Each structure stands twice: as structure tokens, then as C-alpha cells.
N, C-alpha and C. Protein backbone atom coordinates (compact mmCIF):
# COMPACT_ATOMS: atom_id res chain seq x y z
N MET A 1 105.46 70.12 134.70
CA MET A 1 105.71 71.50 134.31
C MET A 1 104.44 72.11 133.73
N LYS A 2 104.08 73.28 134.21
CA LYS A 2 102.89 73.95 133.73
C LYS A 2 103.17 74.64 132.40
N ASN A 3 102.16 74.59 131.52
CA ASN A 3 102.27 75.35 130.27
C ASN A 3 102.14 76.83 130.58
N LYS A 4 103.03 77.58 130.05
CA LYS A 4 102.96 79.03 130.23
C LYS A 4 102.32 79.65 129.00
N ILE A 5 101.36 80.48 129.24
CA ILE A 5 100.69 81.18 128.15
C ILE A 5 101.33 82.56 128.05
N LYS A 6 101.75 82.87 126.88
CA LYS A 6 102.36 84.17 126.64
C LYS A 6 101.26 85.20 126.38
N LEU A 7 101.18 86.21 127.21
CA LEU A 7 100.22 87.27 127.00
C LEU A 7 100.74 88.21 125.92
N GLU A 8 99.87 88.54 124.99
CA GLU A 8 100.21 89.44 123.90
C GLU A 8 99.60 90.80 124.18
N THR A 9 100.17 91.82 123.63
CA THR A 9 99.62 93.16 123.73
C THR A 9 99.56 93.78 122.35
N CYS A 10 98.71 94.74 122.21
CA CYS A 10 98.66 95.48 120.95
C CYS A 10 98.35 96.93 121.25
N LYS A 11 98.75 97.78 120.34
CA LYS A 11 98.47 99.20 120.48
C LYS A 11 97.20 99.53 119.70
N PHE A 12 96.40 100.38 120.30
CA PHE A 12 95.18 100.80 119.61
C PHE A 12 94.84 102.22 120.02
N VAL A 13 93.99 102.84 119.23
CA VAL A 13 93.43 104.14 119.56
C VAL A 13 91.92 103.97 119.63
N CYS A 14 91.29 104.76 120.46
CA CYS A 14 89.83 104.73 120.58
C CYS A 14 89.22 105.43 119.37
N GLY A 15 88.19 104.83 118.82
CA GLY A 15 87.52 105.42 117.67
C GLY A 15 87.05 106.83 117.92
N THR A 16 86.54 107.09 119.11
CA THR A 16 86.06 108.43 119.42
C THR A 16 87.19 109.45 119.47
N ALA A 17 88.41 109.00 119.68
CA ALA A 17 89.55 109.92 119.75
C ALA A 17 89.98 110.43 118.38
N ILE A 18 89.64 109.71 117.33
CA ILE A 18 90.10 110.12 115.99
C ILE A 18 89.02 110.82 115.17
N ILE A 19 87.78 110.76 115.63
CA ILE A 19 86.69 111.39 114.88
C ILE A 19 86.58 112.85 115.31
N PRO A 20 86.63 113.78 114.35
CA PRO A 20 86.49 115.18 114.72
C PRO A 20 85.18 115.42 115.49
N GLU A 21 85.25 116.23 116.51
CA GLU A 21 84.09 116.46 117.37
C GLU A 21 82.86 116.91 116.59
N LYS A 22 83.04 117.76 115.59
CA LYS A 22 81.87 118.25 114.85
C LYS A 22 81.27 117.19 113.92
N TRP A 23 81.92 116.04 113.78
CA TRP A 23 81.38 114.93 112.98
C TRP A 23 80.58 113.94 113.81
N ARG A 24 80.67 114.02 115.11
CA ARG A 24 80.16 112.95 115.98
C ARG A 24 78.66 112.72 115.91
N ASP A 25 77.89 113.72 115.52
CA ASP A 25 76.44 113.53 115.44
C ASP A 25 76.03 112.62 114.29
N TRP A 26 76.81 112.56 113.24
CA TRP A 26 76.42 111.80 112.05
C TRP A 26 77.40 110.71 111.64
N PHE A 27 78.65 110.79 112.08
CA PHE A 27 79.68 109.90 111.55
C PHE A 27 79.38 108.42 111.76
N TRP A 28 79.10 108.01 113.00
CA TRP A 28 78.96 106.58 113.28
C TRP A 28 77.77 105.96 112.57
N GLY A 29 76.70 106.71 112.41
CA GLY A 29 75.55 106.20 111.66
C GLY A 29 75.90 105.96 110.20
N LEU A 30 76.62 106.89 109.61
CA LEU A 30 77.06 106.74 108.22
C LEU A 30 78.07 105.61 108.09
N PHE A 31 79.03 105.57 108.99
CA PHE A 31 80.11 104.58 108.95
C PHE A 31 79.58 103.15 109.12
N SER A 32 78.62 102.96 110.01
CA SER A 32 78.16 101.60 110.34
C SER A 32 77.10 101.07 109.39
N GLY A 33 76.46 101.93 108.62
CA GLY A 33 75.42 101.48 107.70
C GLY A 33 75.95 100.55 106.63
N ASP A 34 75.32 99.39 106.47
CA ASP A 34 75.70 98.41 105.45
C ASP A 34 77.17 98.02 105.53
N CYS A 35 77.64 97.87 106.75
CA CYS A 35 79.06 97.58 107.02
C CYS A 35 79.30 96.06 107.01
N ASP A 36 80.51 95.64 106.63
CA ASP A 36 80.82 94.21 106.58
C ASP A 36 81.43 93.67 107.88
N PHE A 37 81.45 94.47 108.92
CA PHE A 37 81.85 93.99 110.24
C PHE A 37 80.85 94.52 111.25
N SER A 38 80.81 93.90 112.43
CA SER A 38 79.79 94.31 113.39
C SER A 38 80.41 94.55 114.75
N TRP A 39 79.69 95.27 115.56
CA TRP A 39 80.11 95.58 116.91
C TRP A 39 79.60 94.50 117.87
N GLY A 40 78.38 94.13 117.74
CA GLY A 40 77.81 93.09 118.59
C GLY A 40 77.92 93.44 120.06
N ASP A 41 78.03 92.42 120.88
CA ASP A 41 78.18 92.60 122.33
C ASP A 41 79.63 92.40 122.76
N ASN A 42 80.54 92.62 121.85
CA ASN A 42 81.96 92.44 122.17
C ASN A 42 82.42 93.48 123.18
N ASN A 43 83.40 93.10 123.97
CA ASN A 43 84.02 94.04 124.88
C ASN A 43 84.84 95.06 124.08
N ARG A 44 85.53 94.60 123.08
CA ARG A 44 86.32 95.45 122.20
C ARG A 44 86.14 94.96 120.77
N THR A 45 86.11 95.87 119.85
CA THR A 45 86.09 95.51 118.44
C THR A 45 87.21 96.28 117.79
N PHE A 46 88.26 95.56 117.42
CA PHE A 46 89.43 96.19 116.80
C PHE A 46 89.43 95.94 115.30
N ILE A 47 89.70 96.99 114.56
CA ILE A 47 90.01 96.86 113.14
C ILE A 47 91.24 97.71 112.88
N THR A 48 91.96 97.38 111.85
CA THR A 48 93.13 98.18 111.54
C THR A 48 92.70 99.53 110.97
N ALA A 49 93.58 100.49 111.13
CA ALA A 49 93.31 101.82 110.56
C ALA A 49 93.16 101.72 109.05
N ALA A 50 93.90 100.81 108.42
CA ALA A 50 93.78 100.62 106.97
C ALA A 50 92.37 100.16 106.59
N ARG A 51 91.81 99.25 107.38
CA ARG A 51 90.44 98.78 107.10
C ARG A 51 89.42 99.88 107.41
N PHE A 52 89.66 100.64 108.45
CA PHE A 52 88.82 101.77 108.81
C PHE A 52 88.83 102.78 107.65
N LEU A 53 90.00 103.03 107.11
CA LEU A 53 90.16 103.94 105.97
C LEU A 53 89.36 103.44 104.77
N ASP A 54 89.47 102.15 104.47
CA ASP A 54 88.71 101.59 103.35
C ASP A 54 87.22 101.80 103.53
N ARG A 55 86.74 101.59 104.76
CA ARG A 55 85.30 101.78 105.03
C ARG A 55 84.92 103.24 104.86
N CYS A 56 85.77 104.15 105.32
CA CYS A 56 85.48 105.58 105.17
C CYS A 56 85.40 105.98 103.69
N LYS A 57 86.22 105.36 102.86
CA LYS A 57 86.18 105.65 101.42
C LYS A 57 84.85 105.20 100.82
N GLU A 58 84.27 104.15 101.37
CA GLU A 58 83.02 103.59 100.85
C GLU A 58 81.77 104.35 101.31
N CYS A 59 81.83 105.01 102.45
CA CYS A 59 80.58 105.48 103.07
C CYS A 59 80.19 106.91 102.71
N GLY A 60 80.94 107.62 101.91
CA GLY A 60 80.50 108.92 101.42
C GLY A 60 80.69 110.09 102.36
N LEU A 61 81.82 110.17 103.02
CA LEU A 61 82.09 111.30 103.91
C LEU A 61 82.00 112.64 103.19
N GLU A 62 82.40 112.63 101.93
CA GLU A 62 82.42 113.89 101.17
C GLU A 62 81.02 114.47 100.96
N ASP A 63 79.99 113.67 101.21
CA ASP A 63 78.62 114.18 101.13
C ASP A 63 78.25 114.98 102.38
N GLU A 64 79.05 114.83 103.43
CA GLU A 64 78.74 115.46 104.73
C GLU A 64 79.63 116.67 105.04
N VAL A 65 80.88 116.62 104.61
CA VAL A 65 81.84 117.69 104.93
C VAL A 65 82.66 118.03 103.69
N PRO A 66 83.29 119.20 103.68
CA PRO A 66 84.10 119.58 102.52
C PRO A 66 85.23 118.58 102.25
N GLN A 67 85.54 118.41 100.99
CA GLN A 67 86.57 117.45 100.56
C GLN A 67 87.90 117.68 101.27
N LYS A 68 88.23 118.93 101.55
CA LYS A 68 89.50 119.25 102.23
C LYS A 68 89.55 118.58 103.61
N GLU A 69 88.44 118.61 104.34
CA GLU A 69 88.37 117.95 105.65
C GLU A 69 88.48 116.44 105.51
N VAL A 70 87.80 115.90 104.51
CA VAL A 70 87.86 114.46 104.27
C VAL A 70 89.29 114.05 103.95
N ASP A 71 89.97 114.80 103.10
CA ASP A 71 91.35 114.48 102.72
C ASP A 71 92.28 114.49 103.93
N LYS A 72 92.11 115.47 104.79
CA LYS A 72 92.94 115.56 106.00
C LYS A 72 92.69 114.35 106.91
N PHE A 73 91.43 113.97 107.07
CA PHE A 73 91.07 112.81 107.89
C PHE A 73 91.64 111.53 107.30
N MET A 74 91.51 111.36 106.00
CA MET A 74 92.02 110.16 105.33
C MET A 74 93.55 110.07 105.46
N GLU A 75 94.22 111.19 105.38
CA GLU A 75 95.68 111.21 105.52
C GLU A 75 96.09 110.77 106.93
N MET A 76 95.34 111.22 107.94
CA MET A 76 95.61 110.80 109.31
C MET A 76 95.45 109.29 109.45
N LEU A 77 94.41 108.74 108.83
CA LEU A 77 94.20 107.28 108.88
C LEU A 77 95.34 106.55 108.18
N LYS A 78 95.79 107.06 107.05
CA LYS A 78 96.92 106.44 106.34
C LYS A 78 98.15 106.42 107.24
N ASP A 79 98.38 107.51 107.97
CA ASP A 79 99.54 107.58 108.86
C ASP A 79 99.46 106.55 109.99
N LEU A 80 98.25 106.19 110.41
CA LEU A 80 98.09 105.17 111.45
C LEU A 80 98.41 103.77 110.94
N GLY A 81 98.27 103.55 109.64
CA GLY A 81 98.64 102.28 109.02
C GLY A 81 97.94 101.08 109.63
N GLN A 82 98.74 100.20 110.25
CA GLN A 82 98.20 98.96 110.81
C GLN A 82 97.89 99.05 112.30
N THR A 83 97.89 100.26 112.84
CA THR A 83 97.46 100.46 114.22
C THR A 83 95.99 100.06 114.31
N TYR A 84 95.62 99.49 115.43
CA TYR A 84 94.21 99.12 115.62
C TYR A 84 93.38 100.30 116.09
N ILE A 85 92.12 100.30 115.67
CA ILE A 85 91.14 101.27 116.14
C ILE A 85 90.07 100.49 116.88
N ASP A 86 89.76 100.93 118.09
CA ASP A 86 88.73 100.30 118.90
C ASP A 86 87.40 100.97 118.60
N LEU A 87 86.49 100.24 118.03
CA LEU A 87 85.19 100.78 117.64
C LEU A 87 84.24 100.90 118.83
N GLU A 88 84.59 100.37 119.97
CA GLU A 88 83.70 100.38 121.12
C GLU A 88 83.72 101.70 121.88
N ASN A 89 84.69 102.53 121.66
CA ASN A 89 84.77 103.79 122.42
C ASN A 89 84.34 104.96 121.60
């Protein structure tokens, strides 16, 4: 009898899909600086929205955009909870 491997699936959103378009010139540079995870040569790099949120709190978004925009973005990340975010897109 052959061993059957159960394929797993997960839901994720692309990182580029959640970043406001007007942030795209500066966001990823700020977000990735001095980060505790890496992109490397991976095909996909998934982190939870909760971990993404924690990183956003650390990297100083409020220095780049008004606090109201930051708060709205952070609330969206909270709503995603444990959904994965793909950092490769």
C-alpha cells in the first residue's frame, strides 16, 4: 500500500494587494529594513497578518503618512488576523 500524502492549502493575500498605491515607492524599503525575517530566494514568503502588523508598528509608518491613514491600514491588518500575507508579490 502506498503512503498517501495529504496536500494542505492555505489562504493568503499578496502583499502588493494590501499596500496603498501611493505608499509603494517607500513602503517596502521601510518595512524590510532591520527586519527579523527575510525574503531570500524563496518562491513564497508567508507571514501572518498579525506578524505583518507587528512589523508595521515597529517601522515608523507614521513618519511617512498621516496618523489617520496609518490607523486605517493597521485596522485592516487586524481584520485579516491570521490570514497569510505573501511578501513575494
